[in-house]
């Protein structure tokens, strides 16, 4: 399935094709849109995002819907590319007339998607990307996930506090990876640490041995990495083969993302940071996920999608309108303090998540262990990884 093929899925109360945006609540359904990677290198995470959306829609509709109507999310597949994501967004906005679009996952896709929606005067909700450039999209763009400025600061502080003074970093050569590299370097060096090497790799390769060998230079205390999809599998497997995983400890930025598609033996014992589900509904969300899908989370990214749908619905209810301008204004009010399943969500002046509860986890025996430290009391301890 690809967005440009016209194929899509709906989650919720059924299809509705209103004549204009103000008529988005006509009939018995309110339509929202989502653009996520259901195919391609990040399909594992895209499927988890889809599940988060589905659970939110079911919860909202079971509780009476929005404005007395059922909520429905039309989901389009980006295939993990900006071109397909933009085709999907055009369909959602011109044919389906949705006032709100969630997406995407990769920052290199999310940024042009958000820019297009901003130009159209429609609400964009970022549910998985963390490049600092997302904050520049505009006043109609909101993030339920913390950006790299927050994640990298947490990572740098944890590593420095635990005795690491030199680090090498490897991340994808895209908007996300560049953001990780820049923000981690600034945070780590501000504490007194030193970055020995920064390697930004080209996505889609089958051999990263040359890039990995560069990480040895300067004999770093720790290797910090961030990777997803098939690249994470190739990089972690080849690092294991080269003995790099024993030369220095590896620390993942978003451990669930980095290990979702990895060979378990290649990432055994790795530490990493990830979101810490400490919201008041975190446990009920975990229980609902397991009950519906008969398995624990594949990644942590379903929660961001869930929170975004819940916040969009709450904003429509508060605004008593499906007009994008009214929804955006209501989101700003709701985002002063929203009790999400991913923790309390507070938007800053740029409509980005101002803070994020993180935890440091360990991958061992095919599971993510409970947090060794973090800002919240709980990570679901029963998490099991299925590569």
Protein backbone atom coordinates (compact mmCIF):
# COMPACT_ATOMS: atom_id res chain seq x y z
CA UNK A 1 0.00 0.00 0.00
CA UNK A 2 1.30 3.46 -0.80
CA UNK A 3 -0.16 6.89 -0.31
CA UNK A 4 0.18 7.78 -3.95
CA UNK A 5 -1.81 4.71 -4.97
CA UNK A 6 -4.87 6.13 -3.28
CA UNK A 7 -5.16 3.25 -0.85
CA UNK A 8 -5.98 4.15 2.73
CA UNK A 9 -7.53 2.82 5.89
CA UNK A 10 -10.06 4.31 8.23
CA UNK A 11 -10.17 3.90 11.98
CA UNK A 12 -13.40 4.86 13.68
CA UNK A 13 -16.95 5.70 12.80
CA UNK A 14 -16.89 5.30 9.04
CA UNK A 15 -16.07 7.38 6.00
CA UNK A 16 -17.31 10.91 5.56
CA UNK A 17 -16.45 13.29 2.72
CA UNK A 18 -17.73 16.75 3.65
CA UNK A 19 -18.00 19.48 1.09
CA UNK A 20 -15.89 21.92 3.09
CA UNK A 21 -13.84 22.16 6.25
CA UNK A 22 -16.63 23.66 8.31
CA UNK A 23 -18.75 20.71 7.28
CA UNK A 24 -16.20 18.19 8.60
CA UNK A 25 -18.64 17.30 11.35
CA UNK A 26 -21.59 16.71 9.04
CA UNK A 27 -23.52 13.48 9.35
CA UNK A 28 -22.58 11.33 12.31
CA UNK A 29 -18.78 11.36 11.89
CA UNK A 30 -15.87 13.74 12.39
CA UNK A 31 -12.87 12.94 10.19
CA UNK A 32 -9.22 13.44 11.07
CA UNK A 33 -6.23 12.29 9.02
CA UNK A 34 -2.92 10.54 9.66
CA UNK A 35 0.15 9.96 7.49
CA UNK A 36 2.41 7.21 8.85
CA UNK A 37 4.94 4.67 7.46
CA UNK A 38 2.95 1.46 7.18
CA UNK A 39 5.42 0.15 4.60
CA UNK A 40 9.13 0.74 4.11
CA UNK A 41 12.04 0.68 6.53
CA UNK A 42 10.04 2.08 9.46
CA UNK A 43 6.93 -0.09 9.07
CA UNK A 44 7.35 -1.62 12.54
CA UNK A 45 7.00 1.79 14.13
CA UNK A 46 4.27 2.87 11.70
CA UNK A 47 2.17 -0.13 12.71
CA UNK A 48 2.61 0.77 16.37
CA UNK A 49 1.51 4.32 15.59
CA UNK A 50 -1.55 2.93 13.81
CA UNK A 51 -2.42 0.90 16.87
CA UNK A 52 -2.15 3.94 19.11
CA UNK A 53 -4.52 5.81 16.81
CA UNK A 54 -6.94 2.90 16.76
CA UNK A 55 -7.01 2.60 20.55
CA UNK A 56 -7.61 6.33 20.96
CA UNK A 57 -10.49 6.30 18.48
CA UNK A 58 -12.08 3.33 20.25
CA UNK A 59 -11.73 5.06 23.62
CA UNK A 60 -13.21 8.34 22.37
CA UNK A 61 -16.15 6.70 20.65
CA UNK A 62 -16.85 4.41 23.61
CA UNK A 63 -17.02 7.52 25.78
CA UNK A 64 -19.59 9.21 23.55
CA UNK A 65 -17.51 10.64 20.73
CA UNK A 66 -16.90 14.32 20.02
CA UNK A 67 -19.66 16.90 19.69
CA UNK A 68 -22.04 13.97 19.90
CA UNK A 69 -20.52 12.34 16.81
CA UNK A 70 -18.18 9.43 16.16
CA UNK A 71 -14.54 10.25 15.51
CA UNK A 72 -12.83 8.67 12.49
CA UNK A 73 -9.17 8.78 11.45
CA UNK A 74 -8.34 8.22 7.80
CA UNK A 75 -4.86 6.71 7.72
CA UNK A 76 -2.59 7.06 4.68
CA UNK A 77 0.70 5.24 4.17
CA UNK A 78 3.72 7.48 3.59
CA UNK A 79 5.98 4.56 2.68
CA UNK A 80 8.59 6.49 4.63
CA UNK A 81 9.15 9.08 1.88
CA UNK A 82 8.39 12.79 1.75
CA UNK A 83 6.91 12.59 -1.76
CA UNK A 84 4.38 9.92 -0.80
CA UNK A 85 3.58 11.71 2.45
CA UNK A 86 2.79 14.92 0.57
CA UNK A 87 0.61 13.05 -1.91
CA UNK A 88 -1.25 11.54 1.03
CA UNK A 89 -1.64 14.93 2.69
CA UNK A 90 -3.07 16.44 -0.49
CA UNK A 91 -5.65 13.67 -0.65
CA UNK A 92 -6.60 14.07 3.00
CA UNK A 93 -6.95 17.83 2.74
CA UNK A 94 -8.56 18.16 -0.69
CA UNK A 95 -10.71 15.02 -0.96
CA UNK A 96 -11.40 14.22 2.69
CA UNK A 97 -11.36 17.84 3.95
CA UNK A 98 -9.81 16.92 7.29
CA UNK A 99 -8.92 19.81 9.64
CA UNK A 100 -6.17 17.89 11.49
CA UNK A 101 -3.43 15.58 10.19
CA UNK A 102 -1.14 13.47 12.39
CA UNK A 103 2.30 12.43 11.19
CA UNK A 104 4.86 11.32 10.42
CA UNK A 105 7.75 9.44 12.01
CA UNK A 106 10.95 10.47 10.24
CA UNK A 107 11.87 14.14 10.69
CA UNK A 108 12.81 14.37 7.01
CA UNK A 109 9.20 13.49 6.18
CA UNK A 110 7.49 15.26 9.06
CA UNK A 111 9.01 18.66 8.29
CA UNK A 112 7.75 18.98 4.68
CA UNK A 113 4.43 17.42 5.72
CA UNK A 114 4.03 19.97 8.50
CA UNK A 115 5.09 22.83 6.24
CA UNK A 116 2.46 21.86 3.68
CA UNK A 117 -0.28 21.69 6.31
CA UNK A 118 0.85 25.02 7.78
CA UNK A 119 0.59 26.61 4.33
CA UNK A 120 -2.91 25.19 3.98
CA UNK A 121 -3.94 26.59 7.36
CA UNK A 122 -4.53 23.11 8.79
CA UNK A 123 -3.49 21.62 12.11
CA UNK A 124 -0.43 19.35 12.10
CA UNK A 125 0.33 17.04 15.02
CA UNK A 126 3.83 15.57 15.11
CA UNK A 127 3.67 12.11 16.68
CA UNK A 128 7.15 10.70 16.20
CA UNK A 129 9.81 13.13 14.98
CA UNK A 130 12.26 15.10 17.08
CA UNK A 131 14.42 17.36 14.90
CA UNK A 132 14.67 20.85 16.45
CA UNK A 133 13.68 22.26 13.04
CA UNK A 134 10.14 21.03 13.67
CA UNK A 135 9.72 23.96 16.06
CA UNK A 136 10.09 26.28 13.05
CA UNK A 137 7.16 24.87 11.05
CA UNK A 138 4.61 27.36 12.33
CA UNK A 139 1.74 28.13 14.66
CA UNK A 140 -0.48 25.28 13.42
CA UNK A 141 2.10 22.57 14.15
CA UNK A 142 2.08 20.78 17.54
CA UNK A 143 4.29 17.99 18.92
CA UNK A 144 3.27 15.34 21.43
CA UNK A 145 6.86 14.02 21.45
CA UNK A 146 9.78 15.93 22.92
CA UNK A 147 12.34 17.24 20.44
CA UNK A 148 16.04 16.34 20.39
CA UNK A 149 16.93 19.31 22.56
CA UNK A 150 15.21 17.52 25.45
CA UNK A 151 16.20 13.94 24.61
CA UNK A 152 19.86 14.77 24.00
CA UNK A 153 20.12 16.79 27.19
CA UNK A 154 18.76 13.85 29.19
CA UNK A 155 21.20 11.47 27.47
CA UNK A 156 24.22 13.74 27.96
CA UNK A 157 23.44 14.32 31.64
CA UNK A 158 22.97 10.61 32.31
CA UNK A 159 26.21 9.60 30.60
CA UNK A 160 28.29 12.34 32.22
CA UNK A 161 26.83 11.61 35.63
CA UNK A 162 27.83 7.97 35.20
CA UNK A 163 31.47 8.74 34.51
CA UNK A 164 31.64 8.96 30.72
CA UNK A 165 33.84 11.86 29.59
CA UNK A 166 34.37 10.98 25.91
CA UNK A 167 31.79 9.74 23.43
CA UNK A 168 31.47 8.87 19.75
CA UNK A 169 28.13 9.23 18.00
CA UNK A 170 26.54 7.62 14.95
CA UNK A 171 23.15 8.64 13.55
CA UNK A 172 21.43 8.89 10.16
CA UNK A 173 22.41 11.69 7.80
CA UNK A 174 19.00 13.34 7.74
CA UNK A 175 17.09 16.01 9.63
CA UNK A 176 16.63 13.74 12.63
CA UNK A 177 20.23 12.51 12.81
CA UNK A 178 21.70 15.98 12.35
CA UNK A 179 19.48 17.23 15.16
CA UNK A 180 20.61 14.42 17.45
CA UNK A 181 24.28 15.07 16.66
CA UNK A 182 24.11 18.83 17.16
CA UNK A 183 22.06 18.79 20.34
CA UNK A 184 23.98 15.94 21.98
CA UNK A 185 27.33 17.58 21.21
CA UNK A 186 26.18 20.89 22.69
CA UNK A 187 24.73 19.26 25.82
CA UNK A 188 27.64 16.86 26.44
CA UNK A 189 30.37 19.44 25.89
CA UNK A 190 28.59 21.98 28.08
CA UNK A 191 29.04 19.50 30.93
CA UNK A 192 32.75 19.05 30.21
CA UNK A 193 32.56 15.98 27.97
CA UNK A 194 34.23 15.57 24.58
CA UNK A 195 32.87 14.10 21.36
CA UNK A 196 35.66 12.08 19.71
CA UNK A 197 33.84 11.35 16.45
CA UNK A 198 30.49 12.06 14.84
CA UNK A 199 29.43 9.76 12.02
CA UNK A 200 26.30 10.51 9.99
CA UNK A 201 25.50 7.51 7.80
CA UNK A 202 23.60 7.31 4.52
CA UNK A 203 20.36 5.38 4.83
CA UNK A 204 19.58 2.35 2.69
CA UNK A 205 23.05 0.78 2.61
CA UNK A 206 23.79 -2.87 3.33
CA UNK A 207 27.31 -2.31 4.68
CA UNK A 208 28.22 0.20 7.39
CA UNK A 209 31.54 -1.32 8.44
CA UNK A 210 33.60 1.65 7.24
CA UNK A 211 31.43 4.09 9.16
CA UNK A 212 31.52 1.90 12.25
CA UNK A 213 35.31 1.60 12.21
CA UNK A 214 35.55 5.40 12.41
CA UNK A 215 33.92 5.24 15.83
CA UNK A 216 37.07 3.65 17.27
CA UNK A 217 39.09 6.84 16.82
CA UNK A 218 39.94 8.52 20.10
CA UNK A 219 38.96 5.43 22.12
CA UNK A 220 35.64 6.83 23.40
CA UNK A 221 34.23 5.83 26.78
CA UNK A 222 30.83 5.22 25.21
CA UNK A 223 29.26 5.00 21.75
CA UNK A 224 25.96 6.85 21.42
CA UNK A 225 23.75 5.84 18.52
CA UNK A 226 20.33 6.30 17.05
CA UNK A 227 18.99 4.19 14.20
CA UNK A 228 15.70 2.75 13.06
CA UNK A 229 14.22 0.27 10.63
CA UNK A 230 16.53 -1.98 8.66
CA UNK A 231 19.50 0.33 9.24
CA UNK A 232 19.33 -0.38 12.96
CA UNK A 233 19.48 -4.11 12.25
CA UNK A 234 22.45 -3.78 9.89
CA UNK A 235 24.38 -1.34 12.09
CA UNK A 236 23.97 -3.23 15.35
CA UNK A 237 24.71 -6.60 13.71
CA UNK A 238 27.86 -5.33 12.00
CA UNK A 239 29.02 -3.54 15.15
CA UNK A 240 28.63 -6.85 16.97
CA UNK A 241 30.61 -8.69 14.29
CA UNK A 242 33.41 -6.09 14.45
CA UNK A 243 33.63 -6.33 18.22
CA UNK A 244 32.63 -2.69 18.63
CA UNK A 245 29.90 -3.56 21.07
CA UNK A 246 32.61 -4.90 23.40
CA UNK A 247 35.18 -2.16 22.75
CA UNK A 248 32.91 0.38 24.45
CA UNK A 249 29.36 0.31 25.83
CA UNK A 250 26.65 1.39 23.41
CA UNK A 251 23.90 3.77 24.50
CA UNK A 252 20.76 4.16 22.38
CA UNK A 253 18.73 7.30 21.94
CA UNK A 254 15.25 5.74 21.95
CA UNK A 255 16.14 2.15 22.84
CA UNK A 256 12.84 0.68 21.63
CA UNK A 257 13.31 2.30 18.21
CA UNK A 258 16.93 1.18 17.93
CA UNK A 259 16.20 -2.42 18.87
CA UNK A 260 12.75 -3.00 17.32
CA UNK A 261 14.19 -4.65 14.20
CA UNK A 262 17.57 -5.72 15.62
CA UNK A 263 19.01 -9.20 16.13
CA UNK A 264 18.63 -9.74 19.90
CA UNK A 265 22.16 -11.06 20.39
CA UNK A 266 23.61 -7.93 18.76
CA UNK A 267 21.93 -5.59 21.26
CA UNK A 268 22.01 -7.77 24.37
CA UNK A 269 22.91 -5.71 27.42
CA UNK A 270 22.57 -2.33 25.73
CA UNK A 271 21.35 0.65 27.69
CA UNK A 272 19.32 3.47 26.23
CA UNK A 273 16.88 6.22 26.99
CA UNK A 274 13.23 6.08 26.06
CA UNK A 275 9.91 7.63 26.97
CA UNK A 276 8.64 6.68 30.42
CA UNK A 277 4.90 5.98 30.56
CA UNK A 278 3.96 7.74 33.75
CA UNK A 279 0.73 9.49 32.80
CA UNK A 280 -2.37 8.87 34.91
CA UNK A 281 -3.79 6.69 32.12
CA UNK A 282 -0.49 4.97 31.31
CA UNK A 283 -1.39 1.68 32.97
CA UNK A 284 -4.88 1.53 31.47
CA UNK A 285 -3.37 2.27 28.05
CA UNK A 286 -0.84 -0.54 28.45
CA UNK A 287 -3.61 -2.91 29.52
CA UNK A 288 -5.83 -1.91 26.58
CA UNK A 289 -2.97 -2.41 24.13
CA UNK A 290 -2.17 -5.89 25.42
CA UNK A 291 -5.83 -6.89 25.52
CA UNK A 292 -6.48 -5.82 21.92
CA UNK A 293 -3.28 -7.00 20.25
CA UNK A 294 -2.35 -9.87 22.56
CA UNK A 295 1.21 -8.59 22.88
CA UNK A 296 3.10 -5.75 24.56
CA UNK A 297 4.24 -2.59 22.79
CA UNK A 298 6.59 -3.15 19.85
CA UNK A 299 7.99 0.36 20.39
CA UNK A 300 7.21 3.38 22.55
CA UNK A 301 5.79 5.39 19.66
CA UNK A 302 2.18 4.21 19.88
CA UNK A 303 1.67 6.41 22.93
CA UNK A 304 2.50 9.65 21.12
CA UNK A 305 -0.08 8.85 18.44
CA UNK A 306 -2.65 7.95 21.09
CA UNK A 307 -2.10 11.22 22.95
CA UNK A 308 -2.34 13.24 19.72
CA UNK A 309 -5.74 11.79 18.79
CA UNK A 310 -7.02 12.31 22.32
CA UNK A 311 -5.80 15.92 22.37
CA UNK A 312 -7.25 16.68 18.93
CA UNK A 313 -10.62 15.30 20.01
CA UNK A 314 -10.51 17.29 23.25
CA UNK A 315 -9.66 20.44 21.28
CA UNK A 316 -12.59 19.96 18.90
CA UNK A 317 -14.89 19.45 21.87
CA UNK A 318 -13.52 22.52 23.63
CA UNK A 319 -13.76 24.67 20.50
CA UNK A 320 -17.20 23.28 19.60
CA UNK A 321 -15.90 23.50 16.06
CA UNK A 322 -14.02 21.60 13.36
CA UNK A 323 -12.45 24.77 11.97
CA UNK A 324 -8.62 24.44 12.05
CA UNK A 325 -8.13 27.92 13.51
CA UNK A 326 -10.49 27.15 16.38
CA UNK A 327 -8.92 23.73 16.97
CA UNK A 328 -5.41 25.23 17.09
CA UNK A 329 -6.51 27.83 19.62
CA UNK A 330 -8.10 25.14 21.78
CA UNK A 331 -4.98 22.96 21.55
CA UNK A 332 -2.90 25.81 22.94
CA UNK A 333 -5.22 25.96 25.95
CA UNK A 334 -5.38 22.20 26.45
CA UNK A 335 -1.61 22.02 26.03
CA UNK A 336 -0.99 24.13 29.11
CA UNK A 337 -1.30 20.91 31.10
CA UNK A 338 -2.63 17.73 29.49
CA UNK A 339 -2.50 14.35 31.31
CA UNK A 340 -1.29 12.11 28.48
CA UNK A 341 -0.39 8.44 28.63
CA UNK A 342 3.19 9.52 27.81
CA UNK A 343 3.19 11.82 30.82
CA UNK A 344 2.00 15.37 31.31
CA UNK A 345 2.08 17.34 28.07
CA UNK A 346 2.77 21.05 28.18
CA UNK A 347 3.36 23.01 24.97
CA UNK A 348 5.98 25.74 24.84
CA UNK A 349 5.69 29.00 22.90
CA UNK A 350 6.30 27.11 19.64
CA UNK A 351 3.64 24.47 20.40
CA UNK A 352 6.33 21.88 21.08
CA UNK A 353 6.39 19.58 24.08
CA UNK A 354 8.23 21.52 26.76
CA UNK A 355 9.37 18.49 28.74
CA UNK A 356 9.25 14.73 28.50
CA UNK A 357 9.48 11.95 31.10
CA UNK A 358 12.34 9.65 30.13
CA UNK A 359 13.88 6.53 31.63
CA UNK A 360 17.09 4.60 31.05
CA UNK A 361 16.33 1.00 30.08
CA UNK A 362 18.38 -2.13 29.50
CA UNK A 363 17.80 -4.66 26.74
CA UNK A 364 18.40 -8.11 28.16
CA UNK A 365 17.04 -11.54 27.34
CA UNK A 366 14.75 -10.14 24.66
CA UNK A 367 13.14 -7.67 27.07
CA UNK A 368 13.44 -4.06 28.09
CA UNK A 369 14.12 -4.03 31.79
CA UNK A 370 12.41 -1.51 34.09
CA UNK A 371 14.12 1.86 34.38
CA UNK A 372 17.48 2.07 36.08
CA UNK A 373 16.79 5.75 36.47
CA UNK A 374 14.42 8.33 35.08
CA UNK A 375 12.02 11.09 35.92
CA UNK A 376 9.06 8.84 36.54
CA UNK A 377 8.26 5.84 38.75
CA UNK A 378 7.37 3.29 36.13
CA UNK A 379 8.15 1.75 32.80
CA UNK A 380 5.94 -1.23 31.87
CA UNK A 381 8.16 -4.04 33.20
CA UNK A 382 6.55 -6.80 31.16
CA UNK A 383 7.76 -5.46 27.81
CA UNK A 384 8.95 -8.21 25.50
CA UNK A 385 10.81 -7.57 22.27
CA UNK A 386 9.83 -9.39 19.10
CA UNK A 387 12.39 -8.59 16.39
